[in-house]
Amino acid sequence: MERQIDFSRERQMLCGGCDHRWRVDLDWIDRWEQATETCPGCGMACGHEDSPRVTLDSGDPALDDDRVARFSWYHTSAQADWPTRDFDPAAVLAPETRSRRSQPLGLRTVS
């Protein structure tokens, strides 16, 4: 199943402060990132910890387990052979970071 590629599509926003949901275009997101837009529900700006954020669209058919396998999935890259057979995304991590990533959640120690 193919879907039209549309990077300019509207995005769904969710405010962490008041749980207000609404749809916006990319121009709105640009203004929001410049702190000239706020949540229409509570007025919270982008700098707050619980500020509105782009979130998933619960109506997206790609989130339906019974339909997802019928979609075509693509990845683009400027690297012709990406990913290579020996691709290791953790190769650039510091040893301390690698160690933390290998520990199960809840068992991590903070130094």
PDB file of N, CA and C in Angstrom:
ATOM      1  N   MET A   1       0.854  -1.161   0.000  1.00  0.00           N
ATOM      2  CA  MET A   1       0.000   0.000   0.000  1.00  0.00           C
ATOM      3  C   MET A   1       0.904   1.228   0.000  1.00  0.00           C
ATOM      4  N   GLU A   2       0.673   2.119  -0.897  1.00  0.00           N
ATOM      5  CA  GLU A   2       1.444   3.349  -0.993  1.00  0.00           C
ATOM      6  C   GLU A   2       0.654   4.503  -0.394  1.00  0.00           C
ATOM      7  N   ARG A   3       1.374   5.423   0.214  1.00  0.00           N
ATOM      8  CA  ARG A   3       0.766   6.672   0.671  1.00  0.00           C
ATOM      9  C   ARG A   3       1.518   7.805   0.000  1.00  0.00           C
ATOM     10  N   GLN A   4       0.811   8.862  -0.292  1.00  0.00           N
ATOM     11  CA  GLN A   4       1.449  10.017  -0.888  1.00  0.00           C
ATOM     12  C   GLN A   4       2.444  10.620   0.111  1.00  0.00           C
ATOM     13  N   ILE A   5       3.641  10.912  -0.373  1.00  0.00           N
ATOM     14  CA  ILE A   5       4.638  11.562   0.473  1.00  0.00           C
ATOM     15  C   ILE A   5       4.298  13.036   0.524  1.00  0.00           C
ATOM     16  N   ASP A   6       4.124  13.538   1.722  1.00  0.00           N
ATOM     17  CA  ASP A   6       3.728  14.927   1.889  1.00  0.00           C
ATOM     18  C   ASP A   6       4.400  15.494   3.139  1.00  0.00           C
ATOM     19  N   PHE A   7       5.589  16.049   2.973  1.00  0.00           N
ATOM     20  CA  PHE A   7       6.307  16.596   4.117  1.00  0.00           C
ATOM     21  C   PHE A   7       5.655  17.883   4.617  1.00  0.00           C
ATOM     22  N   SER A   8       4.778  18.480   3.825  1.00  0.00           N
ATOM     23  CA  SER A   8       4.101  19.715   4.221  1.00  0.00           C
ATOM     24  C   SER A   8       2.760  19.451   4.892  1.00  0.00           C
ATOM     25  N   ARG A   9       2.439  18.193   5.149  1.00  0.00           N
ATOM     26  CA  ARG A   9       1.161  17.858   5.764  1.00  0.00           C
ATOM     27  C   ARG A   9       1.039  18.509   7.142  1.00  0.00           C
ATOM     28  N   GLU A  10      -0.171  18.630   7.606  1.00  0.00           N
ATOM     29  CA  GLU A  10      -0.380  19.156   8.949  1.00  0.00           C
ATOM     30  C   GLU A  10       0.160  18.167   9.974  1.00  0.00           C
ATOM     31  N   ARG A  11       0.578  18.694  11.112  1.00  0.00           N
ATOM     32  CA  ARG A  11       1.044  17.869  12.228  1.00  0.00           C
ATOM     33  C   ARG A  11       0.061  18.012  13.376  1.00  0.00           C
ATOM     34  N   GLN A  12       0.014  17.025  14.224  1.00  0.00           N
ATOM     35  CA  GLN A  12      -0.847  17.079  15.399  1.00  0.00           C
ATOM     36  C   GLN A  12      -0.001  17.493  16.593  1.00  0.00           C
ATOM     37  N   MET A  13      -0.513  18.435  17.366  1.00  0.00           N
ATOM     38  CA  MET A  13       0.179  18.920  18.559  1.00  0.00           C
ATOM     39  C   MET A  13      -0.559  18.434  19.791  1.00  0.00           C
ATOM     40  N   LEU A  14       0.194  18.248  20.875  1.00  0.00           N
ATOM     41  CA  LEU A  14      -0.366  17.875  22.172  1.00  0.00           C
ATOM     42  C   LEU A  14       0.329  18.714  23.226  1.00  0.00           C
ATOM     43  N   CYS A  15      -0.458  19.398  24.039  1.00  0.00           N
ATOM     44  CA  CYS A  15       0.102  20.216  25.110  1.00  0.00           C
ATOM     45  C   CYS A  15       0.260  19.363  26.363  1.00  0.00           C
ATOM     46  N   GLY A  16       1.448  19.371  26.930  1.00  0.00           N
ATOM     47  CA  GLY A  16       1.705  18.630  28.161  1.00  0.00           C
ATOM     48  C   GLY A  16       1.100  19.291  29.381  1.00  0.00           C
ATOM     49  N   GLY A  17       0.714  20.545  29.253  1.00  0.00           N
ATOM     50  CA  GLY A  17       0.136  21.256  30.379  1.00  0.00           C
ATOM     51  C   GLY A  17      -1.358  21.052  30.532  1.00  0.00           C
ATOM     52  N   CYS A  18      -2.075  21.125  29.410  1.00  0.00           N
ATOM     53  CA  CYS A  18      -3.548  21.053  29.498  1.00  0.00           C
ATOM     54  C   CYS A  18      -4.147  19.929  28.654  1.00  0.00           C
ATOM     55  N   ASP A  19      -3.311  19.130  27.987  1.00  0.00           N
ATOM     56  CA  ASP A  19      -3.748  18.016  27.133  1.00  0.00           C
ATOM     57  C   ASP A  19      -4.567  18.449  25.924  1.00  0.00           C
ATOM     58  N   HIS A  20      -4.492  19.713  25.559  1.00  0.00           N
ATOM     59  CA  HIS A  20      -5.192  20.188  24.365  1.00  0.00           C
ATOM     60  C   HIS A  20      -4.500  19.613  23.129  1.00  0.00           C
ATOM     61  N   ARG A  21      -5.285  19.130  22.163  1.00  0.00           N
ATOM     62  CA  ARG A  21      -4.770  18.601  20.895  1.00  0.00           C
ATOM     63  C   ARG A  21      -5.305  19.464  19.761  1.00  0.00           C
ATOM     64  N   TRP A  22      -4.448  19.733  18.788  1.00  0.00           N
ATOM     65  CA  TRP A  22      -4.874  20.489  17.614  1.00  0.00           C
ATOM     66  C   TRP A  22      -3.900  20.237  16.480  1.00  0.00           C
ATOM     67  N   ARG A  23      -4.303  20.602  15.271  1.00  0.00           N
ATOM     68  CA  ARG A  23      -3.494  20.387  14.079  1.00  0.00           C
ATOM     69  C   ARG A  23      -2.895  21.708  13.637  1.00  0.00           C
ATOM     70  N   VAL A  24      -1.645  21.643  13.165  1.00  0.00           N
ATOM     71  CA  VAL A  24      -0.937  22.845  12.734  1.00  0.00           C
ATOM     72  C   VAL A  24      -0.201  22.566  11.432  1.00  0.00           C
ATOM     73  N   ASP A  25       0.154  23.649  10.737  1.00  0.00           N
ATOM     74  CA  ASP A  25       0.988  23.501   9.552  1.00  0.00           C
ATOM     75  C   ASP A  25       2.432  23.844   9.908  1.00  0.00           C
ATOM     76  N   LEU A  26       3.326  23.697   8.951  1.00  0.00           N
ATOM     77  CA  LEU A  26       4.743  23.928   9.232  1.00  0.00           C
ATOM     78  C   LEU A  26       5.035  25.386   9.561  1.00  0.00           C
ATOM     79  N   ASP A  27       4.269  26.307   8.988  1.00  0.00           N
ATOM     80  CA  ASP A  27       4.463  27.719   9.324  1.00  0.00           C
ATOM     81  C   ASP A  27       4.162  27.962  10.795  1.00  0.00           C
ATOM     82  N   TRP A  28       3.110  27.336  11.313  1.00  0.00           N
ATOM     83  CA  TRP A  28       2.767  27.489  12.729  1.00  0.00           C
ATOM     84  C   TRP A  28       3.902  26.946  13.599  1.00  0.00           C
ATOM     85  N   ILE A  29       4.439  25.784  13.227  1.00  0.00           N
ATOM     86  CA  ILE A  29       5.533  25.197  14.000  1.00  0.00           C
ATOM     87  C   ILE A  29       6.744  26.119  13.998  1.00  0.00           C
ATOM     88  N   ASP A  30       7.041  26.727  12.862  1.00  0.00           N
ATOM     89  CA  ASP A  30       8.157  27.667  12.797  1.00  0.00           C
ATOM     90  C   ASP A  30       7.918  28.848  13.737  1.00  0.00           C
ATOM     91  N   ARG A  31       6.724  29.404  13.731  1.00  0.00           N
ATOM     92  CA  ARG A  31       6.412  30.520  14.637  1.00  0.00           C
ATOM     93  C   ARG A  31       6.476  30.070  16.090  1.00  0.00           C
ATOM     94  N   TRP A  32       6.015  28.868  16.379  1.00  0.00           N
ATOM     95  CA  TRP A  32       6.040  28.324  17.735  1.00  0.00           C
ATOM     96  C   TRP A  32       7.476  28.194  18.233  1.00  0.00           C
ATOM     97  N   GLU A  33       8.355  27.682  17.363  1.00  0.00           N
ATOM     98  CA  GLU A  33       9.762  27.548  17.739  1.00  0.00           C
ATOM     99  C   GLU A  33      10.434  28.899  17.964  1.00  0.00           C
ATOM    100  N   GLN A  34       9.871  29.941  17.375  1.00  0.00           N
ATOM    101  CA  GLN A  34      10.385  31.294  17.571  1.00  0.00           C
ATOM    102  C   GLN A  34       9.681  31.983  18.749  1.00  0.00           C
ATOM    103  N   ALA A  35       8.846  31.239  19.477  1.00  0.00           N
ATOM    104  CA  ALA A  35       8.117  31.727  20.660  1.00  0.00           C
ATOM    105  C   ALA A  35       7.100  32.816  20.319  1.00  0.00           C
ATOM    106  N   THR A  36       6.536  32.734  19.110  1.00  0.00           N
ATOM    107  CA  THR A  36       5.469  33.690  18.773  1.00  0.00           C
ATOM    108  C   THR A  36       4.106  33.019  18.732  1.00  0.00           C
ATOM    109  N   GLU A  37       4.045  31.725  18.998  1.00  0.00           N
ATOM    110  CA  GLU A  37       2.789  30.984  19.098  1.00  0.00           C
ATOM    111  C   GLU A  37       2.757  30.294  20.449  1.00  0.00           C
ATOM    112  N   THR A  38       1.561  30.028  20.941  1.00  0.00           N
ATOM    113  CA  THR A  38       1.384  29.329  22.213  1.00  0.00           C
ATOM    114  C   THR A  38       0.249  28.325  22.076  1.00  0.00           C
ATOM    115  N   CYS A  39       0.077  27.495  23.086  1.00  0.00           N
ATOM    116  CA  CYS A  39      -1.024  26.544  23.107  1.00  0.00           C
ATOM    117  C   CYS A  39      -2.340  27.318  23.121  1.00  0.00           C
ATOM    118  N   PRO A  40      -3.255  27.010  22.198  1.00  0.00           N
ATOM    119  CA  PRO A  40      -4.539  27.699  22.212  1.00  0.00           C
ATOM    120  C   PRO A  40      -5.409  27.324  23.405  1.00  0.00           C
ATOM    121  N   GLY A  41      -5.065  26.251  24.108  1.00  0.00           N
ATOM    122  CA  GLY A  41      -5.846  25.842  25.269  1.00  0.00           C
ATOM    123  C   GLY A  41      -5.461  26.571  26.543  1.00  0.00           C
ATOM    124  N   CYS A  42      -4.142  26.720  26.758  1.00  0.00           N
ATOM    125  CA  CYS A  42      -3.697  27.306  28.031  1.00  0.00           C
ATOM    126  C   CYS A  42      -2.686  28.433  27.874  1.00  0.00           C
ATOM    127  N   GLY A  43      -2.210  28.665  26.657  1.00  0.00           N
ATOM    128  CA  GLY A  43      -1.270  29.760  26.432  1.00  0.00           C
ATOM    129  C   GLY A  43       0.175  29.432  26.721  1.00  0.00           C
ATOM    130  N   MET A  44       0.504  28.164  26.976  1.00  0.00           N
ATOM    131  CA  MET A  44       1.888  27.790  27.284  1.00  0.00           C
ATOM    132  C   MET A  44       2.765  27.954  26.044  1.00  0.00           C
ATOM    133  N   ALA A  45       3.971  28.506  26.255  1.00  0.00           N
ATOM    134  CA  ALA A  45       4.921  28.721  25.166  1.00  0.00           C
ATOM    135  C   ALA A  45       5.889  27.543  25.047  1.00  0.00           C
ATOM    136  N   CYS A  46       6.698  27.570  24.012  1.00  0.00           N
ATOM    137  CA  CYS A  46       7.581  26.441  23.700  1.00  0.00           C
ATOM    138  C   CYS A  46       8.701  26.234  24.707  1.00  0.00           C
ATOM    139  N   GLY A  47       9.037  27.206  25.518  1.00  0.00           N
ATOM    140  CA  GLY A  47      10.161  27.074  26.427  1.00  0.00           C
ATOM    141  C   GLY A  47       9.880  26.302  27.699  1.00  0.00           C
ATOM    142  N   HIS A  48       8.643  26.019  27.982  1.00  0.00           N
ATOM    143  CA  HIS A  48       8.280  25.324  29.220  1.00  0.00           C
ATOM    144  C   HIS A  48       8.510  23.823  29.087  1.00  0.00           C
ATOM    145  N   GLU A  49       8.830  23.164  30.187  1.00  0.00           N
ATOM    146  CA  GLU A  49       9.094  21.716  30.190  1.00  0.00           C
ATOM    147  C   GLU A  49       7.915  20.908  29.636  1.00  0.00           C
ATOM    148  N   ASP A  50       6.701  21.303  29.951  1.00  0.00           N
ATOM    149  CA  ASP A  50       5.502  20.586  29.478  1.00  0.00           C
ATOM    150  C   ASP A  50       4.894  21.233  28.242  1.00  0.00           C
ATOM    151  N   SER A  51       5.696  21.967  27.496  1.00  0.00           N
ATOM    152  CA  SER A  51       5.165  22.714  26.360  1.00  0.00           C
ATOM    153  C   SER A  51       4.551  21.799  25.306  1.00  0.00           C
ATOM    154  N   PRO A  52       3.701  22.361  24.451  1.00  0.00           N
ATOM    155  CA  PRO A  52       3.136  21.564  23.368  1.00  0.00           C
ATOM    156  C   PRO A  52       4.236  20.958  22.506  1.00  0.00           C
ATOM    157  N   ARG A  53       3.942  19.777  21.973  1.00  0.00           N
ATOM    158  CA  ARG A  53       4.915  19.104  21.118  1.00  0.00           C
ATOM    159  C   ARG A  53       4.174  18.393  19.984  1.00  0.00           C
ATOM    160  N   VAL A  54       4.900  18.150  18.920  1.00  0.00           N
ATOM    161  CA  VAL A  54       4.335  17.381  17.816  1.00  0.00           C
ATOM    162  C   VAL A  54       4.163  15.957  18.319  1.00  0.00           C
ATOM    163  N   THR A  55       3.022  15.372  18.049  1.00  0.00           N
ATOM    164  CA  THR A  55       2.747  14.026  18.522  1.00  0.00           C
ATOM    165  C   THR A  55       2.144  13.195  17.392  1.00  0.00           C
ATOM    166  N   LEU A  56       1.969  11.927  17.627  1.00  0.00           N
ATOM    167  CA  LEU A  56       1.416  11.068  16.583  1.00  0.00           C
ATOM    168  C   LEU A  56      -0.063  11.352  16.356  1.00  0.00           C
ATOM    169  N   ASP A  57      -0.491  11.032  15.183  1.00  0.00           N
ATOM    170  CA  ASP A  57      -1.902  11.160  14.829  1.00  0.00           C
ATOM    171  C   ASP A  57      -2.537   9.802  15.065  1.00  0.00           C
ATOM    172  N   SER A  58      -3.383   9.693  16.074  1.00  0.00           N
ATOM    173  CA  SER A  58      -3.962   8.395  16.431  1.00  0.00           C
ATOM    174  C   SER A  58      -4.787   7.790  15.295  1.00  0.00           C
ATOM    175  N   GLY A  59      -5.164   8.599  14.318  1.00  0.00           N
ATOM    176  CA  GLY A  59      -5.912   8.088  13.171  1.00  0.00           C
ATOM    177  C   GLY A  59      -5.033   7.603  12.034  1.00  0.00           C
ATOM    178  N   ASP A  60      -3.721   7.642  12.203  1.00  0.00           N
ATOM    179  CA  ASP A  60      -2.802   7.217  11.149  1.00  0.00           C
ATOM    180  C   ASP A  60      -2.948   5.714  10.930  1.00  0.00           C
ATOM    181  N   PRO A  61      -3.285   5.277   9.719  1.00  0.00           N
ATOM    182  CA  PRO A  61      -3.458   3.842   9.471  1.00  0.00           C
ATOM    183  C   PRO A  61      -2.181   3.031   9.680  1.00  0.00           C
ATOM    184  N   ALA A  62      -1.016   3.668   9.649  1.00  0.00           N
ATOM    185  CA  ALA A  62       0.236   2.951   9.872  1.00  0.00           C
ATOM    186  C   ALA A  62       0.383   2.515  11.325  1.00  0.00           C
ATOM    187  N   LEU A  63      -0.481   3.001  12.205  1.00  0.00           N
ATOM    188  CA  LEU A  63      -0.442   2.586  13.607  1.00  0.00           C
ATOM    189  C   LEU A  63      -1.370   1.408  13.881  1.00  0.00           C
ATOM    190  N   ASP A  64      -2.091   0.967  12.866  1.00  0.00           N
ATOM    191  CA  ASP A  64      -3.011  -0.158  12.993  1.00  0.00           C
ATOM    192  C   ASP A  64      -2.248  -1.453  12.700  1.00  0.00           C
ATOM    193  N   ASP A  65      -2.079  -2.285  13.719  1.00  0.00           N
ATOM    194  CA  ASP A  65      -1.299  -3.521  13.566  1.00  0.00           C
ATOM    195  C   ASP A  65      -1.793  -4.398  12.425  1.00  0.00           C
ATOM    196  N   ASP A  66      -3.088  -4.383  12.150  1.00  0.00           N
ATOM    197  CA  ASP A  66      -3.635  -5.228  11.094  1.00  0.00           C
ATOM    198  C   ASP A  66      -3.368  -4.671   9.702  1.00  0.00           C
ATOM    199  N   ARG A  67      -2.976  -3.411   9.601  1.00  0.00           N
ATOM    200  CA  ARG A  67      -2.752  -2.787   8.298  1.00  0.00           C
ATOM    201  C   ARG A  67      -1.293  -2.472   8.008  1.00  0.00           C
ATOM    202  N   VAL A  68      -0.475  -2.359   9.046  1.00  0.00           N
ATOM    203  CA  VAL A  68       0.880  -1.848   8.870  1.00  0.00           C
ATOM    204  C   VAL A  68       1.719  -2.697   7.911  1.00  0.00           C
ATOM    205  N   ALA A  69       1.546  -3.978   7.889  1.00  0.00           N
ATOM    206  CA  ALA A  69       2.349  -4.843   7.007  1.00  0.00           C
ATOM    207  C   ALA A  69       2.031  -4.631   5.534  1.00  0.00           C
ATOM    208  N   ARG A  70       0.917  -3.990   5.227  1.00  0.00           N
ATOM    209  CA  ARG A  70       0.554  -3.746   3.829  1.00  0.00           C
ATOM    210  C   ARG A  70       1.133  -2.443   3.282  1.00  0.00           C
ATOM    211  N   PHE A  71       1.792  -1.657   4.131  1.00  0.00           N
ATOM    212  CA  PHE A  71       2.385  -0.409   3.679  1.00  0.00           C
ATOM    213  C   PHE A  71       3.781  -0.645   3.134  1.00  0.00           C
ATOM    214  N   SER A  72       4.182   0.200   2.205  1.00  0.00           N
ATOM    215  CA  SER A  72       5.550   0.187   1.707  1.00  0.00           C
ATOM    216  C   SER A  72       6.343   1.156   2.569  1.00  0.00           C
ATOM    217  N   TRP A  73       7.508   0.713   3.018  1.00  0.00           N
ATOM    218  CA  TRP A  73       8.339   1.543   3.880  1.00  0.00           C
ATOM    219  C   TRP A  73       9.630   1.848   3.150  1.00  0.00           C
ATOM    220  N   TYR A  74      10.059   3.094   3.225  1.00  0.00           N
ATOM    221  CA  TYR A  74      11.251   3.536   2.520  1.00  0.00           C
ATOM    222  C   TYR A  74      12.185   4.246   3.477  1.00  0.00           C
ATOM    223  N   HIS A  75      13.456   4.208   3.141  1.00  0.00           N
ATOM    224  CA  HIS A  75      14.445   5.003   3.853  1.00  0.00           C
ATOM    225  C   HIS A  75      15.345   5.619   2.801  1.00  0.00           C
ATOM    226  N   THR A  76      15.646   6.881   2.944  1.00  0.00           N
ATOM    227  CA  THR A  76      16.548   7.523   2.003  1.00  0.00           C
ATOM    228  C   THR A  76      17.841   7.871   2.711  1.00  0.00           C
ATOM    229  N   SER A  77      18.905   7.827   1.959  1.00  0.00           N
ATOM    230  CA  SER A  77      20.211   8.153   2.504  1.00  0.00           C
ATOM    231  C   SER A  77      21.110   8.623   1.374  1.00  0.00           C
ATOM    232  N   ALA A  78      22.054   9.465   1.708  1.00  0.00           N
ATOM    233  CA  ALA A  78      23.046   9.899   0.724  1.00  0.00           C
ATOM    234  C   ALA A  78      24.152   8.851   0.576  1.00  0.00           C
ATOM    235  N   GLN A  79      24.156   7.869   1.457  1.00  0.00           N
ATOM    236  CA  GLN A  79      25.155   6.803   1.409  1.00  0.00           C
ATOM    237  C   GLN A  79      24.600   5.662   0.564  1.00  0.00           C
ATOM    238  N   ALA A  80      25.274   5.338  -0.520  1.00  0.00           N
ATOM    239  CA  ALA A  80      24.766   4.358  -1.493  1.00  0.00           C
ATOM    240  C   ALA A  80      24.511   2.979  -0.911  1.00  0.00           C
ATOM    241  N   ASP A  81      25.322   2.552   0.034  1.00  0.00           N
ATOM    242  CA  ASP A  81      25.172   1.193   0.568  1.00  0.00           C
ATOM    243  C   ASP A  81      24.662   1.185   2.008  1.00  0.00           C
ATOM    244  N   TRP A  82      23.888   2.172   2.379  1.00  0.00           N
ATOM    245  CA  TRP A  82      23.411   2.273   3.762  1.00  0.00           C
ATOM    246  C   TRP A  82      22.266   1.324   4.011  1.00  0.00           C
ATOM    247  N   PRO A  83      22.230   0.646   5.111  1.00  0.00           N
ATOM    248  CA  PRO A  83      23.339   0.502   6.052  1.00  0.00           C
ATOM    249  C   PRO A  83      24.282  -0.584   5.569  1.00  0.00           C
ATOM    250  N   THR A  84      25.540  -0.419   5.837  1.00  0.00           N
ATOM    251  CA  THR A  84      26.510  -1.444   5.464  1.00  0.00           C
ATOM    252  C   THR A  84      26.318  -2.653   6.369  1.00  0.00           C
ATOM    253  N   ARG A  85      26.840  -3.793   5.971  1.00  0.00           N
ATOM    254  CA  ARG A  85      26.673  -5.018   6.759  1.00  0.00           C
ATOM    255  C   ARG A  85      27.292  -4.896   8.152  1.00  0.00           C
ATOM    256  N   ASP A  86      28.352  -4.091   8.258  1.00  0.00           N
ATOM    257  CA  ASP A  86      29.017  -3.959   9.553  1.00  0.00           C
ATOM    258  C   ASP A  86      28.645  -2.661  10.275  1.00  0.00           C
ATOM    259  N   PHE A  87      27.512  -2.072   9.923  1.00  0.00           N
ATOM    260  CA  PHE A  87      27.069  -0.818  10.538  1.00  0.00           C
ATOM    261  C   PHE A  87      26.844  -1.009  12.037  1.00  0.00           C
ATOM    262  N   ASP A  88      27.480  -0.159  12.829  1.00  0.00           N
ATOM    263  CA  ASP A  88      27.340  -0.201  14.285  1.00  0.00           C
ATOM    264  C   ASP A  88      27.101   1.221  14.780  1.00  0.00           C
ATOM    265  N   PRO A  89      25.845   1.600  15.040  1.00  0.00           N
ATOM    266  CA  PRO A  89      25.568   2.968  15.466  1.00  0.00           C
ATOM    267  C   PRO A  89      26.185   3.300  16.822  1.00  0.00           C
ATOM    268  N   ALA A  90      26.518   2.299  17.614  1.00  0.00           N
ATOM    269  CA  ALA A  90      27.116   2.543  18.932  1.00  0.00           C
ATOM    270  C   ALA A  90      28.626   2.736  18.853  1.00  0.00           C
ATOM    271  N   ALA A  91      29.212   2.578  17.674  1.00  0.00           N
ATOM    272  CA  ALA A  91      30.667   2.663  17.554  1.00  0.00           C
ATOM    273  C   ALA A  91      31.211   4.025  17.960  1.00  0.00           C
ATOM    274  N   VAL A  92      30.433   5.070  17.818  1.00  0.00           N
ATOM    275  CA  VAL A  92      30.900   6.416  18.143  1.00  0.00           C
ATOM    276  C   VAL A  92      30.671   6.780  19.608  1.00  0.00           C
ATOM    277  N   LEU A  93      30.046   5.896  20.378  1.00  0.00           N
ATOM    278  CA  LEU A  93      29.742   6.190  21.778  1.00  0.00           C
ATOM    279  C   LEU A  93      30.967   5.990  22.665  1.00  0.00           C
ATOM    280  N   ALA A  94      31.058   6.821  23.688  1.00  0.00           N
ATOM    281  CA  ALA A  94      32.128   6.673  24.678  1.00  0.00           C
ATOM    282  C   ALA A  94      31.905   5.373  25.445  1.00  0.00           C
ATOM    283  N   PRO A  95      32.964   4.768  25.991  1.00  0.00           N
ATOM    284  CA  PRO A  95      32.820   3.515  26.736  1.00  0.00           C
ATOM    285  C   PRO A  95      31.799   3.613  27.878  1.00  0.00           C
ATOM    286  N   GLU A  96      31.769   4.754  28.573  1.00  0.00           N
ATOM    287  CA  GLU A  96      30.812   4.910  29.676  1.00  0.00           C
ATOM    288  C   GLU A  96      29.369   4.851  29.164  1.00  0.00           C
ATOM    289  N   THR A  97      29.142   5.484  28.033  1.00  0.00           N
ATOM    290  CA  THR A  97      27.800   5.482  27.439  1.00  0.00           C
ATOM    291  C   THR A  97      27.420   4.080  26.992  1.00  0.00           C
ATOM    292  N   ARG A  98      28.345   3.376  26.356  1.00  0.00           N
ATOM    293  CA  ARG A  98      28.083   1.991  25.945  1.00  0.00           C
ATOM    294  C   ARG A  98      27.721   1.136  27.151  1.00  0.00           C
ATOM    295  N   SER A  99      28.421   1.324  28.243  1.00  0.00           N
ATOM    296  CA  SER A  99      28.165   0.559  29.463  1.00  0.00           C
ATOM    297  C   SER A  99      26.759   0.830  29.986  1.00  0.00           C
ATOM    298  N   ARG A 100      26.367   2.091  30.008  1.00  0.00           N
ATOM    299  CA  ARG A 100      25.022   2.441  30.493  1.00  0.00           C
ATOM    300  C   ARG A 100      23.946   1.866  29.585  1.00  0.00           C
ATOM    301  N   ARG A 101      24.183   1.862  28.292  1.00  0.00           N
ATOM    302  CA  ARG A 101      23.183   1.367  27.344  1.00  0.00           C
ATOM    303  C   ARG A 101      22.988  -0.140  27.453  1.00  0.00           C
ATOM    304  N   SER A 102      23.989  -0.852  27.941  1.00  0.00           N
ATOM    305  CA  SER A 102      23.873  -2.305  28.030  1.00  0.00           C
ATOM    306  C   SER A 102      23.207  -2.764  29.321  1.00  0.00           C
ATOM    307  N   GLN A 103      23.014  -1.842  30.262  1.00  0.00           N
ATOM    308  CA  GLN A 103      22.369  -2.202  31.523  1.00  0.00           C
ATOM    309  C   GLN A 103      20.857  -2.147  31.363  1.00  0.00           C
ATOM    310  N   PRO A 104      20.115  -3.103  31.941  1.00  0.00           N
ATOM    311  CA  PRO A 104      18.659  -3.053  31.862  1.00  0.00           C
ATOM    312  C   PRO A 104      18.131  -1.807  32.553  1.00  0.00           C
ATOM    313  N   LEU A 105      17.014  -1.287  32.051  1.00  0.00           N
ATOM    314  CA  LEU A 105      16.392  -0.120  32.677  1.00  0.00           C
ATOM    315  C   LEU A 105      16.078  -0.437  34.135  1.00  0.00           C
ATOM    316  N   GLY A 106      16.238   0.533  34.970  1.00  0.00           N
ATOM    317  CA  GLY A 106      15.954   0.344  36.383  1.00  0.00           C
ATOM    318  C   GLY A 106      17.177  -0.103  37.168  1.00  0.00           C
ATOM    319  N   LEU A 107      18.196  -0.607  36.474  1.00  0.00           N
ATOM    320  CA  LEU A 107      19.397  -1.068  37.149  1.00  0.00           C
ATOM    321  C   LEU A 107      20.572  -0.147  36.893  1.00  0.00           C
ATOM    322  N   ARG A 108      20.322   0.952  36.215  1.00  0.00           N
ATOM    323  CA  ARG A 108      21.400   1.877  35.896  1.00  0.00           C
ATOM    324  C   ARG A 108      21.852   2.595  37.152  1.00  0.00           C
ATOM    325  N   THR A 109      23.147   2.807  37.213  1.00  0.00           N
ATOM    326  CA  THR A 109      23.692   3.546  38.339  1.00  0.00           C
ATOM    327  C   THR A 109      24.107   4.923  37.851  1.00  0.00           C
ATOM    328  N   VAL A 110      23.995   5.892  38.703  1.00  0.00           N
ATOM    329  CA  VAL A 110      24.384   7.253  38.378  1.00  0.00           C
ATOM    330  C   VAL A 110      25.668   7.545  39.126  1.00  0.00           C
ATOM    331  N   SER A 111      26.668   8.007  38.377  1.00  0.00           N
ATOM    332  CA  SER A 111      27.945   8.320  39.032  1.00  0.00           C
ATOM    333  C   SER A 111      28.150   9.799  39.133  1.00  0.00           C
TER     334      SER A 111
END
